[in-house]
């Protein structure tokens, strides 16, 4: 049951990241002539995805903790999800507020670039989880022995 929950959570989080970041947001900018309106729409999608990602990340960490107990700290999947969660929260609660404050300035472009790098990091880390498949008995290799 936990591998099914894990697969669903990873699919929702990682699929949502790739769909919003690399399909929906670019489509919004290509359809709307008003770049400010497109940016607001894309920002709302990224915020929704950050909340979804935070929920999925917390649930995944709990699943790993239940599965492995104290041994979870030697499991690479735990650390990947932890970094993804941290980067998601950083992007939403630190970078986004700074971007909103810097709107219309040169700093906005720099912050936007940093936010794109953070988002790509989360998306690529998530892809590594999806490609590796769910954590099961055969996949329980400790990284620190």
Protein backbone atom coordinates (compact mmCIF):
# COMPACT_ATOMS: atom_id res chain seq x y z
CA UNK A 1 0.00 0.00 0.00
CA UNK A 2 2.77 2.47 0.81
CA UNK A 3 4.43 1.93 -2.56
CA UNK A 4 1.12 2.81 -4.23
CA UNK A 5 0.85 5.95 -2.10
CA UNK A 6 4.46 6.79 -2.87
CA UNK A 7 3.91 6.36 -6.62
CA UNK A 8 0.77 8.51 -6.54
CA UNK A 9 2.43 11.29 -4.55
CA UNK A 10 5.51 11.35 -6.77
CA UNK A 11 3.33 11.29 -9.90
CA UNK A 12 1.17 14.18 -8.67
CA UNK A 13 4.13 16.28 -7.54
CA UNK A 14 6.60 15.61 -10.33
CA UNK A 15 4.00 15.42 -13.09
CA UNK A 16 2.53 18.69 -11.89
CA UNK A 17 5.94 20.37 -11.86
CA UNK A 18 6.70 19.39 -15.44
CA UNK A 19 3.16 20.11 -16.69
CA UNK A 20 2.92 23.55 -15.09
CA UNK A 21 6.52 24.65 -15.53
CA UNK A 22 7.21 23.44 -19.02
CA UNK A 23 3.76 23.24 -20.67
CA UNK A 24 1.10 25.41 -19.01
CA UNK A 25 3.16 28.48 -18.06
CA UNK A 26 4.83 28.81 -21.48
CA UNK A 27 1.41 28.33 -23.11
CA UNK A 28 -0.05 31.16 -21.01
CA UNK A 29 2.75 33.49 -22.15
CA UNK A 30 2.26 32.49 -25.78
CA UNK A 31 -1.51 33.12 -25.70
CA UNK A 32 -1.79 36.26 -23.59
CA UNK A 33 -0.40 39.45 -25.08
CA UNK A 34 -0.33 41.19 -21.71
CA UNK A 35 2.89 39.88 -20.12
CA UNK A 36 1.90 41.17 -16.68
CA UNK A 37 -1.39 39.26 -16.83
CA UNK A 38 0.44 36.15 -18.11
CA UNK A 39 2.93 36.48 -15.26
CA UNK A 40 0.14 36.74 -12.70
CA UNK A 41 -1.58 33.65 -14.14
CA UNK A 42 1.68 31.68 -14.22
CA UNK A 43 2.49 32.82 -10.69
CA UNK A 44 -0.84 31.50 -9.43
CA UNK A 45 -0.15 28.14 -11.07
CA UNK A 46 3.32 27.98 -9.51
CA UNK A 47 1.90 28.86 -6.09
CA UNK A 48 -0.74 26.13 -6.36
CA UNK A 49 1.97 23.67 -7.41
CA UNK A 50 4.17 24.72 -4.49
CA UNK A 51 1.37 23.94 -2.03
CA UNK A 52 0.68 20.61 -3.73
CA UNK A 53 4.40 19.83 -3.70
CA UNK A 54 4.73 20.75 -0.03
CA UNK A 55 1.85 18.43 0.85
CA UNK A 56 3.22 15.60 -1.25
CA UNK A 57 6.71 16.11 0.16
CA UNK A 58 5.55 16.00 3.76
CA UNK A 59 3.48 12.88 3.11
CA UNK A 60 6.38 11.18 1.33
CA UNK A 61 8.74 11.93 4.22
CA UNK A 62 6.19 10.47 6.63
CA UNK A 63 5.83 7.34 4.48
CA UNK A 64 9.61 6.87 4.43
CA UNK A 65 9.81 7.42 8.18
CA UNK A 66 7.08 4.82 8.78
CA UNK A 67 8.75 2.35 6.40
CA UNK A 68 12.29 2.71 7.71
CA UNK A 69 12.08 4.27 11.16
CA UNK A 70 15.47 5.61 12.22
CA UNK A 71 17.09 4.00 9.19
CA UNK A 72 15.37 6.55 6.99
CA UNK A 73 18.36 8.87 7.32
CA UNK A 74 20.46 6.43 5.28
CA UNK A 75 17.89 6.28 2.46
CA UNK A 76 18.69 8.42 -0.60
CA UNK A 77 14.98 8.88 -1.43
CA UNK A 78 14.40 10.55 1.94
CA UNK A 79 17.15 13.08 1.25
CA UNK A 80 16.02 13.77 -2.32
CA UNK A 81 12.45 14.44 -1.16
CA UNK A 82 13.77 16.55 1.72
CA UNK A 83 15.84 18.71 -0.63
CA UNK A 84 12.90 19.00 -3.04
CA UNK A 85 10.64 20.11 -0.20
CA UNK A 86 13.20 22.61 1.06
CA UNK A 87 13.72 24.08 -2.42
CA UNK A 88 9.96 24.25 -2.99
CA UNK A 89 9.47 26.18 0.24
CA UNK A 90 12.44 28.43 -0.52
CA UNK A 91 11.05 29.22 -3.96
CA UNK A 92 7.54 29.95 -2.76
CA UNK A 93 8.12 31.73 0.52
CA UNK A 94 11.47 33.47 -0.01
CA UNK A 95 12.00 34.04 -3.72
CA UNK A 96 8.38 34.74 -4.66
CA UNK A 97 7.95 37.48 -2.05
CA UNK A 98 11.25 39.05 -3.09
CA UNK A 99 10.18 38.89 -6.75
CA UNK A 100 6.88 40.59 -5.98
CA UNK A 101 8.71 43.36 -4.12
CA UNK A 102 11.17 43.78 -7.01
CA UNK A 103 8.57 43.76 -9.82
CA UNK A 104 9.55 46.23 -12.54
CA UNK A 105 13.20 46.44 -11.50
CA UNK A 106 16.40 44.83 -12.72
CA UNK A 107 16.49 42.74 -9.54
CA UNK A 108 13.26 41.05 -10.63
CA UNK A 109 15.00 39.49 -13.63
CA UNK A 110 17.81 38.17 -11.45
CA UNK A 111 15.40 36.75 -8.89
CA UNK A 112 13.27 35.23 -11.66
CA UNK A 113 16.36 33.53 -13.06
CA UNK A 114 17.22 32.16 -9.63
CA UNK A 115 13.63 30.94 -9.19
CA UNK A 116 13.86 29.15 -12.54
CA UNK A 117 17.04 27.38 -11.45
CA UNK A 118 15.45 26.33 -8.14
CA UNK A 119 12.34 25.07 -9.97
CA UNK A 120 14.46 23.12 -12.46
CA UNK A 121 16.39 21.59 -9.56
CA UNK A 122 13.19 20.36 -7.95
CA UNK A 123 11.89 19.05 -11.29
CA UNK A 124 15.11 17.14 -12.06
CA UNK A 125 15.35 15.69 -8.55
CA UNK A 126 11.72 14.62 -8.85
CA UNK A 127 12.46 13.02 -12.19
CA UNK A 128 15.22 10.98 -10.53
CA UNK A 129 12.62 9.63 -8.07
CA UNK A 130 10.19 8.79 -10.86
CA UNK A 131 12.85 7.08 -12.99
CA UNK A 132 14.16 5.04 -10.04
CA UNK A 133 10.68 3.70 -9.31
CA UNK A 134 9.08 3.17 -5.91
CA UNK A 135 11.08 2.19 -2.86
CA UNK A 136 10.56 -1.49 -2.27
CA UNK A 137 12.49 -4.33 -0.64
CA UNK A 138 14.88 -4.57 -3.61
CA UNK A 139 15.36 -0.79 -3.73
CA UNK A 140 16.23 -0.36 -0.05
CA UNK A 141 19.87 0.30 -0.43
CA UNK A 142 21.37 2.42 2.30
CA UNK A 143 23.70 5.11 1.03
CA UNK A 144 25.72 5.31 4.25
CA UNK A 145 27.16 1.96 5.32
